[in-house]
Amino acid sequence: MEKMIELFPDEHLCTMAGHSCLGKYYRSIGELDNALSHFEQVRAHNNSSTSKYGMPEMQIALTVIMLEHTDKYDYAKAALDAVNPRTLFVKEHLELYKLMSAVINGNGSPREVQEYYRRCHWSF
């Protein structure tokens, strides 16, 4: 993915796909700070014509919660606020959105989000 991004920096979809895959990879091996950085790159390259479903924002919020960086919850909340839950057609995405919103608003547990993600990570 890094090579693809390097070779095709002006190819918007390749760059976004590369950073998204790298973010998911780094999150899967527990390198959450690196994962967050790549998801932020996706969000920076994103625009309303290429993503109507808020996936970069969902990924950012999820990673912040998994990091348990409560000092970054305002950042995660701003990311989630950009997501329209009515566009989340996959029930696992909507449930994860609800769980993350609860955590960020002080009514949920980061562990619950982490456990739900681990059970359903194939859909996200």
PDB file of N, CA and C in Angstrom:
ATOM      1  N   MET A   1       0.817  -1.182   0.000  1.00  0.00           N
ATOM      2  CA  MET A   1       0.000   0.000   0.000  1.00  0.00           C
ATOM      3  C   MET A   1       0.868   1.256   0.000  1.00  0.00           C
ATOM      4  N   GLU A   2       1.933   1.218   0.802  1.00  0.00           N
ATOM      5  CA  GLU A   2       2.815   2.386   0.840  1.00  0.00           C
ATOM      6  C   GLU A   2       3.421   2.651  -0.531  1.00  0.00           C
ATOM      7  N   LYS A   3       3.784   1.593  -1.246  1.00  0.00           N
ATOM      8  CA  LYS A   3       4.353   1.729  -2.584  1.00  0.00           C
ATOM      9  C   LYS A   3       3.309   2.296  -3.549  1.00  0.00           C
ATOM     10  N   MET A   4       2.074   1.836  -3.431  1.00  0.00           N
ATOM     11  CA  MET A   4       1.003   2.329  -4.291  1.00  0.00           C
ATOM     12  C   MET A   4       0.804   3.834  -4.074  1.00  0.00           C
ATOM     13  N   ILE A   5       0.782   4.251  -2.825  1.00  0.00           N
ATOM     14  CA  ILE A   5       0.620   5.671  -2.507  1.00  0.00           C
ATOM     15  C   ILE A   5       1.797   6.469  -3.068  1.00  0.00           C
ATOM     16  N   GLU A   6       2.995   5.903  -2.941  1.00  0.00           N
ATOM     17  CA  GLU A   6       4.197   6.578  -3.441  1.00  0.00           C
ATOM     18  C   GLU A   6       4.179   6.694  -4.970  1.00  0.00           C
ATOM     19  N   LEU A   7       3.760   5.616  -5.642  1.00  0.00           N
ATOM     20  CA  LEU A   7       3.768   5.602  -7.104  1.00  0.00           C
ATOM     21  C   LEU A   7       2.644   6.427  -7.732  1.00  0.00           C
ATOM     22  N   PHE A   8       1.516   6.502  -7.039  1.00  0.00           N
ATOM     23  CA  PHE A   8       0.346   7.173  -7.608  1.00  0.00           C
ATOM     24  C   PHE A   8      -0.215   8.230  -6.645  1.00  0.00           C
ATOM     25  N   PRO A   9       0.591   9.191  -6.240  1.00  0.00           N
ATOM     26  CA  PRO A   9       0.132  10.163  -5.242  1.00  0.00           C
ATOM     27  C   PRO A   9      -1.025  11.033  -5.718  1.00  0.00           C
ATOM     28  N   ASP A  10      -1.174  11.186  -7.027  1.00  0.00           N
ATOM     29  CA  ASP A  10      -2.254  12.023  -7.550  1.00  0.00           C
ATOM     30  C   ASP A  10      -3.521  11.243  -7.849  1.00  0.00           C
ATOM     31  N   GLU A  11      -3.468   9.931  -7.677  1.00  0.00           N
ATOM     32  CA  GLU A  11      -4.652   9.092  -7.891  1.00  0.00           C
ATOM     33  C   GLU A  11      -5.436   9.048  -6.587  1.00  0.00           C
ATOM     34  N   HIS A  12      -6.438   9.873  -6.529  1.00  0.00           N
ATOM     35  CA  HIS A  12      -7.218  10.084  -5.308  1.00  0.00           C
ATOM     36  C   HIS A  12      -7.713   8.773  -4.691  1.00  0.00           C
ATOM     37  N   LEU A  13      -8.346   7.924  -5.472  1.00  0.00           N
ATOM     38  CA  LEU A  13      -8.912   6.687  -4.920  1.00  0.00           C
ATOM     39  C   LEU A  13      -7.826   5.713  -4.471  1.00  0.00           C
ATOM     40  N   CYS A  14      -6.712   5.657  -5.202  1.00  0.00           N
ATOM     41  CA  CYS A  14      -5.602   4.781  -4.783  1.00  0.00           C
ATOM     42  C   CYS A  14      -5.022   5.260  -3.454  1.00  0.00           C
ATOM     43  N   THR A  15      -4.862   6.562  -3.329  1.00  0.00           N
ATOM     44  CA  THR A  15      -4.311   7.117  -2.097  1.00  0.00           C
ATOM     45  C   THR A  15      -5.237   6.833  -0.919  1.00  0.00           C
ATOM     46  N   MET A  16      -6.526   7.070  -1.106  1.00  0.00           N
ATOM     47  CA  MET A  16      -7.483   6.824  -0.028  1.00  0.00           C
ATOM     48  C   MET A  16      -7.542   5.342   0.322  1.00  0.00           C
ATOM     49  N   ALA A  17      -7.604   4.488  -0.685  1.00  0.00           N
ATOM     50  CA  ALA A  17      -7.671   3.046  -0.429  1.00  0.00           C
ATOM     51  C   ALA A  17      -6.408   2.571   0.277  1.00  0.00           C
ATOM     52  N   GLY A  18      -5.265   3.073  -0.152  1.00  0.00           N
ATOM     53  CA  GLY A  18      -4.002   2.685   0.475  1.00  0.00           C
ATOM     54  C   GLY A  18      -3.940   3.070   1.939  1.00  0.00           C
ATOM     55  N   HIS A  19      -4.293   4.308   2.231  1.00  0.00           N
ATOM     56  CA  HIS A  19      -4.267   4.757   3.630  1.00  0.00           C
ATOM     57  C   HIS A  19      -5.309   4.017   4.470  1.00  0.00           C
ATOM     58  N   SER A  20      -6.467   3.737   3.898  1.00  0.00           N
ATOM     59  CA  SER A  20      -7.497   2.995   4.629  1.00  0.00           C
ATOM     60  C   SER A  20      -7.010   1.589   4.978  1.00  0.00           C
ATOM     61  N   CYS A  21      -6.429   0.905   3.991  1.00  0.00           N
ATOM     62  CA  CYS A  21      -5.906  -0.447   4.245  1.00  0.00           C
ATOM     63  C   CYS A  21      -4.781  -0.423   5.272  1.00  0.00           C
ATOM     64  N   LEU A  22      -3.903   0.560   5.159  1.00  0.00           N
ATOM     65  CA  LEU A  22      -2.807   0.662   6.131  1.00  0.00           C
ATOM     66  C   LEU A  22      -3.345   0.948   7.530  1.00  0.00           C
ATOM     67  N   GLY A  23      -4.357   1.804   7.627  1.00  0.00           N
ATOM     68  CA  GLY A  23      -4.961   2.077   8.931  1.00  0.00           C
ATOM     69  C   GLY A  23      -5.533   0.821   9.551  1.00  0.00           C
ATOM     70  N   LYS A  24      -6.255   0.046   8.741  1.00  0.00           N
ATOM     71  CA  LYS A  24      -6.843  -1.208   9.241  1.00  0.00           C
ATOM     72  C   LYS A  24      -5.748  -2.195   9.629  1.00  0.00           C
ATOM     73  N   TYR A  25      -4.696  -2.258   8.819  1.00  0.00           N
ATOM     74  CA  TYR A  25      -3.585  -3.158   9.135  1.00  0.00           C
ATOM     75  C   TYR A  25      -2.926  -2.778  10.463  1.00  0.00           C
ATOM     76  N   TYR A  26      -2.575  -1.506  10.594  1.00  0.00           N
ATOM     77  CA  TYR A  26      -1.912  -1.079  11.828  1.00  0.00           C
ATOM     78  C   TYR A  26      -2.814  -1.270  13.044  1.00  0.00           C
ATOM     79  N   ARG A  27      -4.109  -1.037  12.885  1.00  0.00           N
ATOM     80  CA  ARG A  27      -5.010  -1.265  14.017  1.00  0.00           C
ATOM     81  C   ARG A  27      -5.037  -2.759  14.360  1.00  0.00           C
ATOM     82  N   SER A  28      -4.998  -3.625  13.342  1.00  0.00           N
ATOM     83  CA  SER A  28      -5.059  -5.072  13.598  1.00  0.00           C
ATOM     84  C   SER A  28      -3.838  -5.591  14.346  1.00  0.00           C
ATOM     85  N   ILE A  29      -2.697  -4.908  14.200  1.00  0.00           N
ATOM     86  CA  ILE A  29      -1.493  -5.355  14.914  1.00  0.00           C
ATOM     87  C   ILE A  29      -1.236  -4.525  16.167  1.00  0.00           C
ATOM     88  N   GLY A  30      -2.208  -3.681  16.513  1.00  0.00           N
ATOM     89  CA  GLY A  30      -2.117  -2.933  17.755  1.00  0.00           C
ATOM     90  C   GLY A  30      -1.343  -1.634  17.691  1.00  0.00           C
ATOM     91  N   GLU A  31      -0.940  -1.210  16.499  1.00  0.00           N
ATOM     92  CA  GLU A  31      -0.236   0.062  16.354  1.00  0.00           C
ATOM     93  C   GLU A  31      -1.272   1.154  16.070  1.00  0.00           C
ATOM     94  N   LEU A  32      -1.991   1.509  17.133  1.00  0.00           N
ATOM     95  CA  LEU A  32      -3.151   2.375  16.982  1.00  0.00           C
ATOM     96  C   LEU A  32      -2.804   3.810  16.604  1.00  0.00           C
ATOM     97  N   ASP A  33      -1.678   4.326  17.073  1.00  0.00           N
ATOM     98  CA  ASP A  33      -1.287   5.683  16.684  1.00  0.00           C
ATOM     99  C   ASP A  33      -1.006   5.755  15.178  1.00  0.00           C
ATOM    100  N   ASN A  34      -0.332   4.738  14.638  1.00  0.00           N
ATOM    101  CA  ASN A  34      -0.094   4.684  13.195  1.00  0.00           C
ATOM    102  C   ASN A  34      -1.420   4.533  12.441  1.00  0.00           C
ATOM    103  N   ALA A  35      -2.312   3.714  12.977  1.00  0.00           N
ATOM    104  CA  ALA A  35      -3.621   3.528  12.349  1.00  0.00           C
ATOM    105  C   ALA A  35      -4.360   4.858  12.276  1.00  0.00           C
ATOM    106  N   LEU A  36      -4.375   5.583  13.368  1.00  0.00           N
ATOM    107  CA  LEU A  36      -5.070   6.864  13.418  1.00  0.00           C
ATOM    108  C   LEU A  36      -4.497   7.823  12.378  1.00  0.00           C
ATOM    109  N   SER A  37      -3.200   7.854  12.250  1.00  0.00           N
ATOM    110  CA  SER A  37      -2.552   8.722  11.271  1.00  0.00           C
ATOM    111  C   SER A  37      -3.031   8.409   9.850  1.00  0.00           C
ATOM    112  N   HIS A  38      -3.142   7.139   9.517  1.00  0.00           N
ATOM    113  CA  HIS A  38      -3.591   6.764   8.168  1.00  0.00           C
ATOM    114  C   HIS A  38      -5.074   7.090   7.959  1.00  0.00           C
ATOM    115  N   PHE A  39      -5.897   6.876   8.967  1.00  0.00           N
ATOM    116  CA  PHE A  39      -7.315   7.233   8.830  1.00  0.00           C
ATOM    117  C   PHE A  39      -7.484   8.745   8.683  1.00  0.00           C
ATOM    118  N   GLU A  40      -6.618   9.499   9.339  1.00  0.00           N
ATOM    119  CA  GLU A  40      -6.658  10.956   9.186  1.00  0.00           C
ATOM    120  C   GLU A  40      -6.280  11.350   7.757  1.00  0.00           C
ATOM    121  N   GLN A  41      -5.362  10.603   7.153  1.00  0.00           N
ATOM    122  CA  GLN A  41      -5.004  10.862   5.757  1.00  0.00           C
ATOM    123  C   GLN A  41      -6.193  10.595   4.833  1.00  0.00           C
ATOM    124  N   VAL A  42      -6.935   9.520   5.115  1.00  0.00           N
ATOM    125  CA  VAL A  42      -8.128   9.241   4.313  1.00  0.00           C
ATOM    126  C   VAL A  42      -9.105  10.401   4.430  1.00  0.00           C
ATOM    127  N   ARG A  43      -9.321  10.851   5.646  1.00  0.00           N
ATOM    128  CA  ARG A  43     -10.258  11.957   5.864  1.00  0.00           C
ATOM    129  C   ARG A  43      -9.776  13.219   5.146  1.00  0.00           C
ATOM    130  N   ALA A  44      -8.470  13.460   5.157  1.00  0.00           N
ATOM    131  CA  ALA A  44      -7.921  14.650   4.489  1.00  0.00           C
ATOM    132  C   ALA A  44      -8.122  14.584   2.974  1.00  0.00           C
ATOM    133  N   HIS A  45      -8.049  13.396   2.402  1.00  0.00           N
ATOM    134  CA  HIS A  45      -8.212  13.226   0.955  1.00  0.00           C
ATOM    135  C   HIS A  45      -9.667  13.056   0.551  1.00  0.00           C
ATOM    136  N   ASN A  46     -10.516  12.840   1.533  1.00  0.00           N
ATOM    137  CA  ASN A  46     -11.913  12.529   1.275  1.00  0.00           C
ATOM    138  C   ASN A  46     -12.675  13.787   0.856  1.00  0.00           C
ATOM    139  N   ASN A  47     -13.735  13.548   0.112  1.00  0.00           N
ATOM    140  CA  ASN A  47     -14.678  14.633  -0.170  1.00  0.00           C
ATOM    141  C   ASN A  47     -16.062  14.023  -0.311  1.00  0.00           C
ATOM    142  N   SER A  48     -17.058  14.844  -0.347  1.00  0.00           N
ATOM    143  CA  SER A  48     -18.433  14.346  -0.316  1.00  0.00           C
ATOM    144  C   SER A  48     -18.787  13.502  -1.526  1.00  0.00           C
ATOM    145  N   SER A  49     -18.084  13.647  -2.631  1.00  0.00           N
ATOM    146  CA  SER A  49     -18.420  12.848  -3.807  1.00  0.00           C
ATOM    147  C   SER A  49     -17.852  11.443  -3.737  1.00  0.00           C
ATOM    148  N   THR A  50     -16.844  11.216  -2.894  1.00  0.00           N
ATOM    149  CA  THR A  50     -16.244   9.884  -2.839  1.00  0.00           C
ATOM    150  C   THR A  50     -16.681   9.081  -1.626  1.00  0.00           C
ATOM    151  N   SER A  51     -17.196   9.727  -0.606  1.00  0.00           N
ATOM    152  CA  SER A  51     -17.656   8.985   0.561  1.00  0.00           C
ATOM    153  C   SER A  51     -18.860   9.671   1.177  1.00  0.00           C
ATOM    154  N   LYS A  52     -19.977   9.010   1.080  1.00  0.00           N
ATOM    155  CA  LYS A  52     -21.200   9.555   1.654  1.00  0.00           C
ATOM    156  C   LYS A  52     -21.519   8.890   2.989  1.00  0.00           C
ATOM    157  N   TYR A  53     -20.706   7.952   3.406  1.00  0.00           N
ATOM    158  CA  TYR A  53     -21.058   7.116   4.546  1.00  0.00           C
ATOM    159  C   TYR A  53     -20.234   7.358   5.796  1.00  0.00           C
ATOM    160  N   GLY A  54     -19.334   8.299   5.789  1.00  0.00           N
ATOM    161  CA  GLY A  54     -18.600   8.652   6.998  1.00  0.00           C
ATOM    162  C   GLY A  54     -17.638   7.595   7.498  1.00  0.00           C
ATOM    163  N   MET A  55     -17.143   6.733   6.634  1.00  0.00           N
ATOM    164  CA  MET A  55     -16.252   5.673   7.105  1.00  0.00           C
ATOM    165  C   MET A  55     -14.935   6.210   7.658  1.00  0.00           C
ATOM    166  N   PRO A  56     -14.292   7.203   7.049  1.00  0.00           N
ATOM    167  CA  PRO A  56     -13.057   7.700   7.688  1.00  0.00           C
ATOM    168  C   PRO A  56     -13.332   8.234   9.091  1.00  0.00           C
ATOM    169  N   GLU A  57     -14.439   8.928   9.246  1.00  0.00           N
ATOM    170  CA  GLU A  57     -14.794   9.478  10.549  1.00  0.00           C
ATOM    171  C   GLU A  57     -15.094   8.366  11.559  1.00  0.00           C
ATOM    172  N   MET A  58     -15.778   7.337  11.108  1.00  0.00           N
ATOM    173  CA  MET A  58     -16.052   6.185  11.983  1.00  0.00           C
ATOM    174  C   MET A  58     -14.739   5.520  12.400  1.00  0.00           C
ATOM    175  N   GLN A  59     -13.820   5.368  11.449  1.00  0.00           N
ATOM    176  CA  GLN A  59     -12.531   4.730  11.740  1.00  0.00           C
ATOM    177  C   GLN A  59     -11.726   5.574  12.736  1.00  0.00           C
ATOM    178  N   ILE A  60     -11.756   6.885  12.558  1.00  0.00           N
ATOM    179  CA  ILE A  60     -11.036   7.776  13.481  1.00  0.00           C
ATOM    180  C   ILE A  60     -11.611   7.644  14.886  1.00  0.00           C
ATOM    181  N   ALA A  61     -12.925   7.741  15.016  1.00  0.00           N
ATOM    182  CA  ALA A  61     -13.554   7.641  16.336  1.00  0.00           C
ATOM    183  C   ALA A  61     -13.255   6.291  16.983  1.00  0.00           C
ATOM    184  N   LEU A  62     -13.358   5.220  16.208  1.00  0.00           N
ATOM    185  CA  LEU A  62     -13.087   3.881  16.738  1.00  0.00           C
ATOM    186  C   LEU A  62     -11.653   3.779  17.245  1.00  0.00           C
ATOM    187  N   THR A  63     -10.724   4.280  16.480  1.00  0.00           N
ATOM    188  CA  THR A  63      -9.319   4.176  16.865  1.00  0.00           C
ATOM    189  C   THR A  63      -9.025   5.006  18.102  1.00  0.00           C
ATOM    190  N   VAL A  64      -9.590   6.202  18.205  1.00  0.00           N
ATOM    191  CA  VAL A  64      -9.402   7.028  19.410  1.00  0.00           C
ATOM    192  C   VAL A  64      -9.948   6.297  20.629  1.00  0.00           C
ATOM    193  N   ILE A  65     -11.121   5.693  20.482  1.00  0.00           N
ATOM    194  CA  ILE A  65     -11.710   4.956  21.609  1.00  0.00           C
ATOM    195  C   ILE A  65     -10.859   3.744  21.965  1.00  0.00           C
ATOM    196  N   MET A  66     -10.353   3.038  20.962  1.00  0.00           N
ATOM    197  CA  MET A  66      -9.501   1.876  21.236  1.00  0.00           C
ATOM    198  C   MET A  66      -8.203   2.299  21.923  1.00  0.00           C
ATOM    199  N   LEU A  67      -7.710   3.488  21.583  1.00  0.00           N
ATOM    200  CA  LEU A  67      -6.514   4.013  22.246  1.00  0.00           C
ATOM    201  C   LEU A  67      -6.807   4.432  23.682  1.00  0.00           C
ATOM    202  N   GLU A  68      -8.084   4.613  23.986  1.00  0.00           N
ATOM    203  CA  GLU A  68      -8.536   5.103  25.286  1.00  0.00           C
ATOM    204  C   GLU A  68      -7.896   6.448  25.616  1.00  0.00           C
ATOM    205  N   HIS A  69      -7.776   7.266  24.579  1.00  0.00           N
ATOM    206  CA  HIS A  69      -7.282   8.637  24.740  1.00  0.00           C
ATOM    207  C   HIS A  69      -8.469   9.540  25.055  1.00  0.00           C
ATOM    208  N   THR A  70      -8.857   9.572  26.320  1.00  0.00           N
ATOM    209  CA  THR A  70     -10.011  10.390  26.686  1.00  0.00           C
ATOM    210  C   THR A  70      -9.782  11.863  26.381  1.00  0.00           C
ATOM    211  N   ASP A  71      -8.529  12.269  26.334  1.00  0.00           N
ATOM    212  CA  ASP A  71      -8.223  13.660  25.990  1.00  0.00           C
ATOM    213  C   ASP A  71      -8.524  13.968  24.527  1.00  0.00           C
ATOM    214  N   LYS A  72      -8.716  12.939  23.709  1.00  0.00           N
ATOM    215  CA  LYS A  72      -9.033  13.130  22.290  1.00  0.00           C
ATOM    216  C   LYS A  72     -10.508  12.842  21.990  1.00  0.00           C
ATOM    217  N   TYR A  73     -11.314  12.663  23.030  1.00  0.00           N
ATOM    218  CA  TYR A  73     -12.729  12.356  22.797  1.00  0.00           C
ATOM    219  C   TYR A  73     -13.472  13.493  22.102  1.00  0.00           C
ATOM    220  N   ASP A  74     -13.058  14.736  22.325  1.00  0.00           N
ATOM    221  CA  ASP A  74     -13.684  15.850  21.603  1.00  0.00           C
ATOM    222  C   ASP A  74     -13.407  15.714  20.103  1.00  0.00           C
ATOM    223  N   TYR A  75     -12.208  15.296  19.782  1.00  0.00           N
ATOM    224  CA  TYR A  75     -11.821  15.056  18.386  1.00  0.00           C
ATOM    225  C   TYR A  75     -12.665  13.922  17.801  1.00  0.00           C
ATOM    226  N   ALA A  76     -12.803  12.836  18.553  1.00  0.00           N
ATOM    227  CA  ALA A  76     -13.618  11.702  18.096  1.00  0.00           C
ATOM    228  C   ALA A  76     -15.083  12.105  17.954  1.00  0.00           C
ATOM    229  N   LYS A  77     -15.563  12.924  18.872  1.00  0.00           N
ATOM    230  CA  LYS A  77     -16.950  13.392  18.801  1.00  0.00           C
ATOM    231  C   LYS A  77     -17.165  14.232  17.549  1.00  0.00           C
ATOM    232  N   ALA A  78     -16.224  15.103  17.242  1.00  0.00           N
ATOM    233  CA  ALA A  78     -16.332  15.918  16.029  1.00  0.00           C
ATOM    234  C   ALA A  78     -16.353  15.036  14.785  1.00  0.00           C
ATOM    235  N   ALA A  79     -15.549  13.981  14.795  1.00  0.00           N
ATOM    236  CA  ALA A  79     -15.551  13.046  13.662  1.00  0.00           C
ATOM    237  C   ALA A  79     -16.904  12.346  13.548  1.00  0.00           C
ATOM    238  N   LEU A  80     -17.417  11.856  14.682  1.00  0.00           N
ATOM    239  CA  LEU A  80     -18.718  11.169  14.653  1.00  0.00           C
ATOM    240  C   LEU A  80     -19.853  12.116  14.297  1.00  0.00           C
ATOM    241  N   ASP A  81     -19.748  13.367  14.700  1.00  0.00           N
ATOM    242  CA  ASP A  81     -20.788  14.343  14.364  1.00  0.00           C
ATOM    243  C   ASP A  81     -20.900  14.544  12.858  1.00  0.00           C
ATOM    244  N   ALA A  82     -19.833  14.232  12.121  1.00  0.00           N
ATOM    245  CA  ALA A  82     -19.844  14.363  10.663  1.00  0.00           C
ATOM    246  C   ALA A  82     -20.540  13.180   9.980  1.00  0.00           C
ATOM    247  N   VAL A  83     -20.854  12.146  10.760  1.00  0.00           N
ATOM    248  CA  VAL A  83     -21.495  10.943  10.216  1.00  0.00           C
ATOM    249  C   VAL A  83     -23.012  11.074  10.345  1.00  0.00           C
ATOM    250  N   ASN A  84     -23.699  10.796   9.270  1.00  0.00           N
ATOM    251  CA  ASN A  84     -25.157  10.749   9.316  1.00  0.00           C
ATOM    252  C   ASN A  84     -25.553   9.297   9.578  1.00  0.00           C
ATOM    253  N   PRO A  85     -26.041   8.972  10.769  1.00  0.00           N
ATOM    254  CA  PRO A  85     -26.340   7.570  11.079  1.00  0.00           C
ATOM    255  C   PRO A  85     -27.385   6.960  10.143  1.00  0.00           C
ATOM    256  N   ARG A  86     -28.180   7.782   9.471  1.00  0.00           N
ATOM    257  CA  ARG A  86     -29.168   7.244   8.528  1.00  0.00           C
ATOM    258  C   ARG A  86     -28.516   6.659   7.284  1.00  0.00           C
ATOM    259  N   THR A  87     -27.237   6.960   7.061  1.00  0.00           N
ATOM    260  CA  THR A  87     -26.538   6.405   5.901  1.00  0.00           C
ATOM    261  C   THR A  87     -25.822   5.098   6.236  1.00  0.00           C
ATOM    262  N   LEU A  88     -25.886   4.677   7.484  1.00  0.00           N
ATOM    263  CA  LEU A  88     -25.203   3.448   7.902  1.00  0.00           C
ATOM    264  C   LEU A  88     -26.157   2.267   7.696  1.00  0.00           C
ATOM    265  N   PHE A  89     -26.066   1.678   6.511  1.00  0.00           N
ATOM    266  CA  PHE A  89     -27.002   0.628   6.126  1.00  0.00           C
ATOM    267  C   PHE A  89     -26.645  -0.743   6.689  1.00  0.00           C
ATOM    268  N   VAL A  90     -25.401  -0.936   7.065  1.00  0.00           N
ATOM    269  CA  VAL A  90     -24.977  -2.214   7.665  1.00  0.00           C
ATOM    270  C   VAL A  90     -25.266  -2.116   9.155  1.00  0.00           C
ATOM    271  N   LYS A  91     -26.064  -3.058   9.658  1.00  0.00           N
ATOM    272  CA  LYS A  91     -26.508  -2.953  11.055  1.00  0.00           C
ATOM    273  C   LYS A  91     -25.343  -2.911  12.031  1.00  0.00           C
ATOM    274  N   GLU A  92     -24.238  -3.597  11.730  1.00  0.00           N
ATOM    275  CA  GLU A  92     -23.074  -3.575  12.614  1.00  0.00           C
ATOM    276  C   GLU A  92     -22.456  -2.177  12.669  1.00  0.00           C
ATOM    277  N   HIS A  93     -22.480  -1.465  11.556  1.00  0.00           N
ATOM    278  CA  HIS A  93     -21.940  -0.098  11.545  1.00  0.00           C
ATOM    279  C   HIS A  93     -22.796   0.814  12.408  1.00  0.00           C
ATOM    280  N   LEU A  94     -24.108   0.680  12.288  1.00  0.00           N
ATOM    281  CA  LEU A  94     -25.010   1.510  13.086  1.00  0.00           C
ATOM    282  C   LEU A  94     -24.855   1.203  14.578  1.00  0.00           C
ATOM    283  N   GLU A  95     -24.749  -0.066  14.916  1.00  0.00           N
ATOM    284  CA  GLU A  95     -24.577  -0.436  16.323  1.00  0.00           C
ATOM    285  C   GLU A  95     -23.246   0.097  16.856  1.00  0.00           C
ATOM    286  N   LEU A  96     -22.190  -0.015  16.065  1.00  0.00           N
ATOM    287  CA  LEU A  96     -20.892   0.513  16.482  1.00  0.00           C
ATOM    288  C   LEU A  96     -20.964   2.025  16.659  1.00  0.00           C
ATOM    289  N   TYR A  97     -21.645   2.703  15.761  1.00  0.00           N
ATOM    290  CA  TYR A  97     -21.844   4.157  15.874  1.00  0.00           C
ATOM    291  C   TYR A  97     -22.524   4.495  17.200  1.00  0.00           C
ATOM    292  N   LYS A  98     -23.563   3.757  17.546  1.00  0.00           N
ATOM    293  CA  LYS A  98     -24.288   4.009  18.803  1.00  0.00           C
ATOM    294  C   LYS A  98     -23.391   3.768  20.017  1.00  0.00           C
ATOM    295  N   LEU A  99     -22.632   2.680  19.978  1.00  0.00           N
ATOM    296  CA  LEU A  99     -21.736   2.371  21.093  1.00  0.00           C
ATOM    297  C   LEU A  99     -20.661   3.449  21.252  1.00  0.00           C
ATOM    298  N   MET A 100     -20.093   3.886  20.126  1.00  0.00           N
ATOM    299  CA  MET A 100     -19.053   4.910  20.189  1.00  0.00           C
ATOM    300  C   MET A 100     -19.625   6.238  20.681  1.00  0.00           C
ATOM    301  N   SER A 101     -20.806   6.592  20.218  1.00  0.00           N
ATOM    302  CA  SER A 101     -21.450   7.824  20.672  1.00  0.00           C
ATOM    303  C   SER A 101     -21.668   7.796  22.178  1.00  0.00           C
ATOM    304  N   ALA A 102     -22.081   6.644  22.690  1.00  0.00           N
ATOM    305  CA  ALA A 102     -22.313   6.511  24.130  1.00  0.00           C
ATOM    306  C   ALA A 102     -21.015   6.723  24.903  1.00  0.00           C
ATOM    307  N   VAL A 103     -19.926   6.141  24.427  1.00  0.00           N
ATOM    308  CA  VAL A 103     -18.634   6.295  25.108  1.00  0.00           C
ATOM    309  C   VAL A 103     -18.208   7.757  25.116  1.00  0.00           C
ATOM    310  N   ILE A 104     -18.276   8.377  23.970  1.00  0.00           N
ATOM    311  CA  ILE A 104     -17.825   9.763  23.849  1.00  0.00           C
ATOM    312  C   ILE A 104     -18.680  10.706  24.681  1.00  0.00           C
ATOM    313  N   ASN A 105     -19.949  10.360  24.858  1.00  0.00           N
ATOM    314  CA  ASN A 105     -20.848  11.191  25.663  1.00  0.00           C
ATOM    315  C   ASN A 105     -20.860  10.787  27.136  1.00  0.00           C
ATOM    316  N   GLY A 106     -19.963   9.878  27.533  1.00  0.00           N
ATOM    317  CA  GLY A 106     -19.818   9.499  28.931  1.00  0.00           C
ATOM    318  C   GLY A 106     -20.818   8.478  29.427  1.00  0.00           C
ATOM    319  N   ASN A 107     -21.529   7.822  28.501  1.00  0.00           N
ATOM    320  CA  ASN A 107     -22.547   6.839  28.895  1.00  0.00           C
ATOM    321  C   ASN A 107     -22.207   5.415  28.493  1.00  0.00           C
ATOM    322  N   GLY A 108     -20.981   5.174  28.091  1.00  0.00           N
ATOM    323  CA  GLY A 108     -20.623   3.835  27.634  1.00  0.00           C
ATOM    324  C   GLY A 108     -19.204   3.482  28.020  1.00  0.00           C
ATOM    325  N   SER A 109     -18.830   2.270  27.681  1.00  0.00           N
ATOM    326  CA  SER A 109     -17.519   1.752  28.037  1.00  0.00           C
ATOM    327  C   SER A 109     -16.668   1.516  26.787  1.00  0.00           C
ATOM    328  N   PRO A 110     -15.410   1.989  26.801  1.00  0.00           N
ATOM    329  CA  PRO A 110     -14.521   1.690  25.682  1.00  0.00           C
ATOM    330  C   PRO A 110     -14.355   0.181  25.472  1.00  0.00           C
ATOM    331  N   ARG A 111     -14.385  -0.574  26.548  1.00  0.00           N
ATOM    332  CA  ARG A 111     -14.256  -2.038  26.434  1.00  0.00           C
ATOM    333  C   ARG A 111     -15.409  -2.640  25.635  1.00  0.00           C
ATOM    334  N   GLU A 112     -16.601  -2.094  25.832  1.00  0.00           N
ATOM    335  CA  GLU A 112     -17.766  -2.593  25.095  1.00  0.00           C
ATOM    336  C   GLU A 112     -17.578  -2.345  23.596  1.00  0.00           C
ATOM    337  N   VAL A 113     -17.065  -1.183  23.240  1.00  0.00           N
ATOM    338  CA  VAL A 113     -16.791  -0.870  21.837  1.00  0.00           C
ATOM    339  C   VAL A 113     -15.734  -1.835  21.299  1.00  0.00           C
ATOM    340  N   GLN A 114     -14.661  -2.017  22.054  1.00  0.00           N
ATOM    341  CA  GLN A 114     -13.588  -2.911  21.616  1.00  0.00           C
ATOM    342  C   GLN A 114     -14.084  -4.339  21.425  1.00  0.00           C
ATOM    343  N   GLU A 115     -14.885  -4.819  22.357  1.00  0.00           N
ATOM    344  CA  GLU A 115     -15.410  -6.185  22.247  1.00  0.00           C
ATOM    345  C   GLU A 115     -16.356  -6.325  21.054  1.00  0.00           C
ATOM    346  N   TYR A 116     -17.210  -5.343  20.856  1.00  0.00           N
ATOM    347  CA  TYR A 116     -18.127  -5.393  19.719  1.00  0.00           C
ATOM    348  C   TYR A 116     -17.342  -5.368  18.412  1.00  0.00           C
ATOM    349  N   TYR A 117     -16.346  -4.500  18.338  1.00  0.00           N
ATOM    350  CA  TYR A 117     -15.514  -4.429  17.135  1.00  0.00           C
ATOM    351  C   TYR A 117     -14.830  -5.766  16.874  1.00  0.00           C
ATOM    352  N   ARG A 118     -14.297  -6.383  17.888  1.00  0.00           N
ATOM    353  CA  ARG A 118     -13.606  -7.665  17.708  1.00  0.00           C
ATOM    354  C   ARG A 118     -14.555  -8.750  17.206  1.00  0.00           C
ATOM    355  N   ARG A 119     -15.811  -8.700  17.671  1.00  0.00           N
ATOM    356  CA  ARG A 119     -16.796  -9.688  17.210  1.00  0.00           C
ATOM    357  C   ARG A 119     -17.215  -9.442  15.776  1.00  0.00           C
ATOM    358  N   CYS A 120     -17.272  -8.187  15.374  1.00  0.00           N
ATOM    359  CA  CYS A 120     -17.835  -7.829  14.058  1.00  0.00           C
ATOM    360  C   CYS A 120     -16.846  -7.134  13.143  1.00  0.00           C
ATOM    361  N   HIS A 121     -15.556  -7.259  13.401  1.00  0.00           N
ATOM    362  CA  HIS A 121     -14.585  -6.477  12.631  1.00  0.00           C
ATOM    363  C   HIS A 121     -14.609  -6.788  11.139  1.00  0.00           C
ATOM    364  N   TRP A 122     -15.101  -7.937  10.753  1.00  0.00           N
ATOM    365  CA  TRP A 122     -15.175  -8.293   9.334  1.00  0.00           C
ATOM    366  C   TRP A 122     -16.042  -7.318   8.542  1.00  0.00           C
ATOM    367  N   SER A 123     -16.971  -6.662   9.227  1.00  0.00           N
ATOM    368  CA  SER A 123     -17.869  -5.755   8.495  1.00  0.00           C
ATOM    369  C   SER A 123     -17.384  -4.318   8.535  1.00  0.00           C
ATOM    370  N   PHE A 124     -16.229  -4.087   9.133  1.00  0.00           N
ATOM    371  CA  PHE A 124     -15.778  -2.710   9.270  1.00  0.00           C
ATOM    372  C   PHE A 124     -14.310  -2.619   8.928  1.00  0.00           C
TER     373      PHE A 124
END
